[in-house]
Every structure is written in C-alpha cells, then in structure tokens.
Amino acid sequence: MKVFRKQYHPPGTPPGTLIKPLNNSASEEVRPLKIDVVNYNKDDVKSHLNCSIDDCAKYVNNNSVTWIHISGGIEPDVLRQLGFAFDLHPLALEDVINHGQRPKVETYDKQLFVIVNMPIVVEKEIHIEQVSLFCGNGYVISFHDQYDENTYQLLHNRLKKNVNHIRNNGSDYLLYVLLILLLIAVFLC
C-alpha cells in the first residue's frame, strides 16, 4: 500500500506565504530539525553536524562546494532565515513546506529548484516523501523530512574518498549525483 503525505496551506492563502500547513495525516510523527553541512573541494572534505543557519552561510565560498542537508520538521521561521541567507525564492520556499508537490524543476535568478519524490519503507508500507533541492553557485541545499541515512551515507562515503569525480566538479554535479541516488532509492524500495 502506498501512502502519500500531503500538507498544504488553508485554501485562500496568498502565494509565497510561509505558515505551517494543514496536516492531513494526524498520525504523522514530526522529527526534530537537523542541519548537516558537508563542505568540500578537490583536496579536502569537512563534515559539520547539527549546524545553525548562520553556520551554513559561512561555509559557502568560491573555493569549495557546500552541501547543506536539512532533515526533520522545518518551521516557517527557520525557512525564512534560510531564504534570506541564500536568497531563495518565496514560492519555492512555500513548495518546500507544502508536501505532496508533483516532481518539478524551476529556474530562478541564480538557482535551480527541484522537487522529487522518494519512496521510504515504513512498517512494511511504502511512503512517498518529498525531497526539495536548491542548487546555486557553490552550494546545494536539500530538504527531506525523513532522513534516509543509507541514501545520504553513500554520498558521504564517496566524498571522503581521496580522488573522485564528485570532488572535481561543481554544485551542479552534486545535484546530479543526489538525483541519481534518489532514483536508485526508488528501484531499491
């Protein structure tokens, strides 16, 4: 049985509004917010766990690629802070907080916004979870309520290897690799 989680704002809410959406599945467990940052270049990889929004912004620079992975229930205020720190489009931020979006790719001034759906097995049921990704110059920000340790650990392990194709490319290649890993997860589910 497939379970799709859908959460949207109340009808009539103006576009771009960041408020907690209506929860259409009351049995849903909200995980605590966790922000992990991986900063790398061809010579080095550094992982930072449980970061703040201010920490995230300071790792982004011209000499490296920064992957910011946000998991758990994100509050509108935290999303606003992230939007301000990275100049994320308000309509895209609204799509991050509203679950049940169809997969899509949108381009904004200096970034790409992608939504994909990822299957997760929960108590012998397949749940479809939304994964939202922003890709800008030197960074990728990924949002996933249910942190799938196996999928993201594959990428962490690959980045830690001394020489690999990912570390020799930019944030666009990191986005590509994340999308491939999510696609693999679909077939493994």
C-alpha atoms as a PDB file:
ATOM      1  CA  MET A   1       0.000   0.000   0.000  1.00  0.00           C
ATOM      2  CA  LYS A   2       1.382   3.400  -0.931  1.00  0.00           C
ATOM      3  CA  VAL A   3       0.942   6.323   1.395  1.00  0.00           C
ATOM      4  CA  PHE A   4       1.292   9.851   0.039  1.00  0.00           C
ATOM      5  CA  ARG A   5       1.670  12.589   2.599  1.00  0.00           C
ATOM      6  CA  LYS A   6       0.008  15.815   1.591  1.00  0.00           C
ATOM      7  CA  GLN A   7       0.201  19.038   3.572  1.00  0.00           C
ATOM      8  CA  TYR A   8      -0.963  22.335   2.154  1.00  0.00           C
ATOM      9  CA  HIS A   9      -1.838  25.809   3.384  1.00  0.00           C
ATOM     10  CA  PRO A  10      -5.507  26.553   4.065  1.00  0.00           C
ATOM     11  CA  PRO A  11      -7.441  27.492   0.915  1.00  0.00           C
ATOM     12  CA  GLY A  12      -7.191  31.200   0.081  1.00  0.00           C
ATOM     13  CA  THR A  13      -3.678  31.640   1.490  1.00  0.00           C
ATOM     14  CA  PRO A  14      -1.716  34.149  -0.643  1.00  0.00           C
ATOM     15  CA  PRO A  15       1.133  32.689  -2.763  1.00  0.00           C
ATOM     16  CA  GLY A  16       4.539  32.676  -1.084  1.00  0.00           C
ATOM     17  CA  THR A  17       3.107  32.550   2.455  1.00  0.00           C
ATOM     18  CA  LEU A  18       5.248  30.619   4.905  1.00  0.00           C
ATOM     19  CA  ILE A  19       2.976  29.200   7.580  1.00  0.00           C
ATOM     20  CA  LYS A  20       2.658  25.735   8.993  1.00  0.00           C
ATOM     21  CA  PRO A  21       0.462  23.814   6.548  1.00  0.00           C
ATOM     22  CA  LEU A  22      -2.609  21.847   7.490  1.00  0.00           C
ATOM     23  CA  ASN A  23      -1.641  18.301   8.476  1.00  0.00           C
ATOM     24  CA  ASN A  24      -3.873  15.890   6.605  1.00  0.00           C
ATOM     25  CA  SER A  25      -2.463  12.840   8.382  1.00  0.00           C
ATOM     26  CA  ALA A  26      -2.685  13.249  12.149  1.00  0.00           C
ATOM     27  CA  SER A  27      -0.701  10.050  12.843  1.00  0.00           C
ATOM     28  CA  GLU A  28       2.401  11.587  11.271  1.00  0.00           C
ATOM     29  CA  GLU A  29       5.458  11.822  13.538  1.00  0.00           C
ATOM     30  CA  VAL A  30       7.434  15.056  13.153  1.00  0.00           C
ATOM     31  CA  ARG A  31      11.165  14.522  13.506  1.00  0.00           C
ATOM     32  CA  PRO A  32      13.380  17.159  15.125  1.00  0.00           C
ATOM     33  CA  LEU A  33      15.149  19.540  12.770  1.00  0.00           C
ATOM     34  CA  LYS A  34      18.715  18.582  11.862  1.00  0.00           C
ATOM     35  CA  ILE A  35      21.044  20.602   9.640  1.00  0.00           C
ATOM     36  CA  ASP A  36      24.215  18.912   8.411  1.00  0.00           C
ATOM     37  CA  VAL A  37      26.799  20.604   6.205  1.00  0.00           C
ATOM     38  CA  VAL A  38      29.418  18.980   4.016  1.00  0.00           C
ATOM     39  CA  ASN A  39      31.979  21.344   2.543  1.00  0.00           C
ATOM     40  CA  TYR A  40      34.479  20.018   0.018  1.00  0.00           C
ATOM     41  CA  ASN A  41      36.915  20.768  -2.751  1.00  0.00           C
ATOM     42  CA  LYS A  42      39.285  18.527  -4.684  1.00  0.00           C
ATOM     43  CA  ASP A  43      41.735  18.436  -1.758  1.00  0.00           C
ATOM     44  CA  ASP A  44      39.563  18.220   1.365  1.00  0.00           C
ATOM     45  CA  VAL A  45      36.161  17.245   2.812  1.00  0.00           C
ATOM     46  CA  LYS A  46      34.764  18.588   6.072  1.00  0.00           C
ATOM     47  CA  SER A  47      31.503  17.490   7.690  1.00  0.00           C
ATOM     48  CA  HIS A  48      29.670  19.619  10.228  1.00  0.00           C
ATOM     49  CA  LEU A  49      26.717  18.147  12.129  1.00  0.00           C
ATOM     50  CA  ASN A  50      23.802  19.945  13.775  1.00  0.00           C
ATOM     51  CA  CYS A  51      24.618  23.375  12.381  1.00  0.00           C
ATOM     52  CA  SER A  52      22.697  26.626  12.669  1.00  0.00           C
ATOM     53  CA  ILE A  53      21.535  28.712   9.706  1.00  0.00           C
ATOM     54  CA  ASP A  54      24.372  31.186  10.355  1.00  0.00           C
ATOM     55  CA  ASP A  55      26.879  28.328  10.248  1.00  0.00           C
ATOM     56  CA  CYS A  56      25.518  27.171   6.882  1.00  0.00           C
ATOM     57  CA  ALA A  57      26.035  30.510   5.168  1.00  0.00           C
ATOM     58  CA  LYS A  58      29.619  30.919   6.352  1.00  0.00           C
ATOM     59  CA  TYR A  59      30.745  27.677   4.666  1.00  0.00           C
ATOM     60  CA  VAL A  60      29.675  28.791   1.192  1.00  0.00           C
ATOM     61  CA  ASN A  61      32.620  30.301  -0.686  1.00  0.00           C
ATOM     62  CA  ASN A  62      34.207  30.366  -4.122  1.00  0.00           C
ATOM     63  CA  ASN A  63      36.842  27.738  -3.339  1.00  0.00           C
ATOM     64  CA  SER A  64      34.554  24.839  -2.461  1.00  0.00           C
ATOM     65  CA  VAL A  65      31.161  23.199  -2.832  1.00  0.00           C
ATOM     66  CA  THR A  66      28.817  23.191   0.146  1.00  0.00           C
ATOM     67  CA  TRP A  67      26.025  20.656   0.616  1.00  0.00           C
ATOM     68  CA  ILE A  68      23.508  21.647   3.271  1.00  0.00           C
ATOM     69  CA  HIS A  69      21.148  18.809   4.150  1.00  0.00           C
ATOM     70  CA  ILE A  70      18.117  19.707   6.257  1.00  0.00           C
ATOM     71  CA  SER A  71      16.023  16.902   7.669  1.00  0.00           C
ATOM     72  CA  GLY A  72      13.083  16.779  10.037  1.00  0.00           C
ATOM     73  CA  GLY A  73      10.190  19.155  10.512  1.00  0.00           C
ATOM     74  CA  ILE A  74      11.166  22.636   9.413  1.00  0.00           C
ATOM     75  CA  GLU A  75       9.462  25.623  10.972  1.00  0.00           C
ATOM     76  CA  PRO A  76       8.446  28.612   8.818  1.00  0.00           C
ATOM     77  CA  ASP A  77      10.803  30.946  10.738  1.00  0.00           C
ATOM     78  CA  VAL A  78      13.807  28.710  10.029  1.00  0.00           C
ATOM     79  CA  LEU A  79      12.798  28.513   6.376  1.00  0.00           C
ATOM     80  CA  ARG A  80      12.543  32.317   6.227  1.00  0.00           C
ATOM     81  CA  GLN A  81      16.061  32.632   7.695  1.00  0.00           C
ATOM     82  CA  LEU A  82      17.409  30.198   5.106  1.00  0.00           C
ATOM     83  CA  GLY A  83      15.595  32.045   2.349  1.00  0.00           C
ATOM     84  CA  PHE A  84      17.157  35.311   3.471  1.00  0.00           C
ATOM     85  CA  ALA A  85      20.657  33.828   3.867  1.00  0.00           C
ATOM     86  CA  PHE A  86      20.652  32.215   0.389  1.00  0.00           C
ATOM     87  CA  ASP A  87      18.200  34.476  -1.459  1.00  0.00           C
ATOM     88  CA  LEU A  88      15.775  31.589  -2.051  1.00  0.00           C
ATOM     89  CA  HIS A  89      12.585  32.409  -3.949  1.00  0.00           C
ATOM     90  CA  PRO A  90       9.465  32.693  -1.697  1.00  0.00           C
ATOM     91  CA  LEU A  91       7.333  30.497  -3.981  1.00  0.00           C
ATOM     92  CA  ALA A  92       9.964  27.767  -3.885  1.00  0.00           C
ATOM     93  CA  LEU A  93      10.146  28.029  -0.080  1.00  0.00           C
ATOM     94  CA  GLU A  94       6.383  27.616   0.028  1.00  0.00           C
ATOM     95  CA  ASP A  95       6.747  24.432  -2.034  1.00  0.00           C
ATOM     96  CA  VAL A  96       9.338  23.124   0.444  1.00  0.00           C
ATOM     97  CA  ILE A  97       6.922  23.462   3.363  1.00  0.00           C
ATOM     98  CA  ASN A  98       3.858  22.201   1.449  1.00  0.00           C
ATOM     99  CA  HIS A  99       4.217  18.463   0.939  1.00  0.00           C
ATOM    100  CA  GLY A 100       2.607  16.476  -1.828  1.00  0.00           C
ATOM    101  CA  GLN A 101       4.043  18.542  -4.673  1.00  0.00           C
ATOM    102  CA  ARG A 102       4.488  16.914  -8.044  1.00  0.00           C
ATOM    103  CA  PRO A 103       8.085  16.427  -9.195  1.00  0.00           C
ATOM    104  CA  LYS A 104       9.296  19.544 -10.986  1.00  0.00           C
ATOM    105  CA  VAL A 105      12.258  21.716 -11.921  1.00  0.00           C
ATOM    106  CA  GLU A 106      12.090  25.503 -11.788  1.00  0.00           C
ATOM    107  CA  THR A 107      14.745  28.087 -12.539  1.00  0.00           C
ATOM    108  CA  TYR A 108      15.089  31.307 -10.591  1.00  0.00           C
ATOM    109  CA  ASP A 109      17.615  34.138 -10.966  1.00  0.00           C
ATOM    110  CA  LYS A 110      20.762  32.392  -9.778  1.00  0.00           C
ATOM    111  CA  GLN A 111      19.493  28.983  -8.728  1.00  0.00           C
ATOM    112  CA  LEU A 112      17.663  25.864  -9.740  1.00  0.00           C
ATOM    113  CA  PHE A 113      14.844  24.408  -7.638  1.00  0.00           C
ATOM    114  CA  VAL A 114      13.933  20.721  -7.904  1.00  0.00           C
ATOM    115  CA  ILE A 115      11.251  18.630  -6.209  1.00  0.00           C
ATOM    116  CA  VAL A 116      11.385  14.833  -6.415  1.00  0.00           C
ATOM    117  CA  ASN A 117       9.509  12.105  -4.604  1.00  0.00           C
ATOM    118  CA  MET A 118      11.373   9.375  -2.756  1.00  0.00           C
ATOM    119  CA  PRO A 119       9.869   6.117  -1.527  1.00  0.00           C
ATOM    120  CA  ILE A 120      10.605   5.019   2.025  1.00  0.00           C
ATOM    121  CA  VAL A 121       9.510   1.765   3.628  1.00  0.00           C
ATOM    122  CA  VAL A 122       7.807   2.402   6.982  1.00  0.00           C
ATOM    123  CA  GLU A 123       6.365  -0.582   8.838  1.00  0.00           C
ATOM    124  CA  LYS A 124       6.058  -2.636   5.634  1.00  0.00           C
ATOM    125  CA  GLU A 125       4.333   0.205   3.778  1.00  0.00           C
ATOM    126  CA  ILE A 126       5.780   2.380   1.079  1.00  0.00           C
ATOM    127  CA  HIS A 127       5.556   6.068   1.954  1.00  0.00           C
ATOM    128  CA  ILE A 128       6.298   8.675  -0.677  1.00  0.00           C
ATOM    129  CA  GLU A 129       8.316  11.536   0.766  1.00  0.00           C
ATOM    130  CA  GLN A 130       9.073  14.856  -0.886  1.00  0.00           C
ATOM    131  CA  VAL A 131      12.699  15.878  -1.333  1.00  0.00           C
ATOM    132  CA  SER A 132      13.326  19.518  -2.263  1.00  0.00           C
ATOM    133  CA  LEU A 133      16.657  20.742  -3.604  1.00  0.00           C
ATOM    134  CA  PHE A 134      18.133  24.154  -4.374  1.00  0.00           C
ATOM    135  CA  CYS A 135      21.282  24.412  -6.466  1.00  0.00           C
ATOM    136  CA  GLY A 136      23.198  27.671  -6.690  1.00  0.00           C
ATOM    137  CA  ASN A 137      26.741  28.770  -7.341  1.00  0.00           C
ATOM    138  CA  GLY A 138      28.841  26.663  -4.961  1.00  0.00           C
ATOM    139  CA  TYR A 139      26.019  25.103  -2.934  1.00  0.00           C
ATOM    140  CA  VAL A 140      23.208  22.574  -2.853  1.00  0.00           C
ATOM    141  CA  ILE A 141      20.523  22.714  -0.167  1.00  0.00           C
ATOM    142  CA  SER A 142      18.418  19.585   0.264  1.00  0.00           C
ATOM    143  CA  PHE A 143      15.281  19.211   2.382  1.00  0.00           C
ATOM    144  CA  HIS A 144      13.917  15.849   3.455  1.00  0.00           C
ATOM    145  CA  ASP A 145      11.644  15.326   6.442  1.00  0.00           C
ATOM    146  CA  GLN A 146      12.638  11.699   6.897  1.00  0.00           C
ATOM    147  CA  TYR A 147      16.427  11.479   6.918  1.00  0.00           C
ATOM    148  CA  ASP A 148      17.251   8.367   4.915  1.00  0.00           C
ATOM    149  CA  GLU A 149      20.636   7.537   6.383  1.00  0.00           C
ATOM    150  CA  ASN A 150      21.502   4.888   3.771  1.00  0.00           C
ATOM    151  CA  THR A 151      20.942   7.080   0.724  1.00  0.00           C
ATOM    152  CA  TYR A 152      22.884  10.057   2.017  1.00  0.00           C
ATOM    153  CA  GLN A 153      25.626   7.969   3.644  1.00  0.00           C
ATOM    154  CA  LEU A 154      26.518   6.616   0.197  1.00  0.00           C
ATOM    155  CA  LEU A 155      27.343  10.137  -0.913  1.00  0.00           C
ATOM    156  CA  HIS A 156      29.219  10.989   2.296  1.00  0.00           C
ATOM    157  CA  ASN A 157      31.397   7.894   1.851  1.00  0.00           C
ATOM    158  CA  ARG A 158      32.060   8.716  -1.787  1.00  0.00           C
ATOM    159  CA  LEU A 159      33.060  12.289  -0.948  1.00  0.00           C
ATOM    160  CA  LYS A 160      35.517  11.116   1.709  1.00  0.00           C
ATOM    161  CA  LYS A 161      37.494   9.104  -0.837  1.00  0.00           C
ATOM    162  CA  ASN A 162      40.626  10.967  -1.777  1.00  0.00           C
ATOM    163  CA  VAL A 163      40.097  11.151  -5.532  1.00  0.00           C
ATOM    164  CA  ASN A 164      36.703  11.030  -7.165  1.00  0.00           C
ATOM    165  CA  HIS A 165      34.686  12.679  -9.888  1.00  0.00           C
ATOM    166  CA  ILE A 166      32.303  14.451  -7.490  1.00  0.00           C
ATOM    167  CA  ARG A 167      35.009  16.434  -5.708  1.00  0.00           C
ATOM    168  CA  ASN A 168      36.459  17.624  -9.014  1.00  0.00           C
ATOM    169  CA  ASN A 169      33.172  19.201 -10.145  1.00  0.00           C
ATOM    170  CA  GLY A 170      30.827  21.947  -9.008  1.00  0.00           C
ATOM    171  CA  SER A 171      27.492  22.137  -7.238  1.00  0.00           C
ATOM    172  CA  ASP A 172      25.609  21.232 -10.427  1.00  0.00           C
ATOM    173  CA  TYR A 173      27.338  17.854 -10.442  1.00  0.00           C
ATOM    174  CA  LEU A 174      26.498  17.347  -6.762  1.00  0.00           C
ATOM    175  CA  LEU A 175      22.833  17.970  -7.589  1.00  0.00           C
ATOM    176  CA  TYR A 176      23.076  15.420 -10.389  1.00  0.00           C
ATOM    177  CA  VAL A 177      24.585  12.815  -8.033  1.00  0.00           C
ATOM    178  CA  LEU A 178      21.884  13.445  -5.399  1.00  0.00           C
ATOM    179  CA  LEU A 179      19.169  12.959  -8.023  1.00  0.00           C
ATOM    180  CA  ILE A 180      20.792   9.712  -9.198  1.00  0.00           C
ATOM    181  CA  LEU A 181      20.934   8.446  -5.591  1.00  0.00           C
ATOM    182  CA  LEU A 182      17.247   9.268  -5.137  1.00  0.00           C
ATOM    183  CA  LEU A 183      16.462   7.433  -8.359  1.00  0.00           C
ATOM    184  CA  ILE A 184      18.401   4.395  -7.136  1.00  0.00           C
ATOM    185  CA  ALA A 185      16.403   4.506  -3.906  1.00  0.00           C
ATOM    186  CA  VAL A 186      13.217   4.241  -5.981  1.00  0.00           C
ATOM    187  CA  PHE A 187      14.427   0.998  -7.523  1.00  0.00           C
ATOM    188  CA  LEU A 188      15.688  -0.424  -4.230  1.00  0.00           C
ATOM    189  CA  CYS A 189      12.451   0.270  -2.400  1.00  0.00           C
END
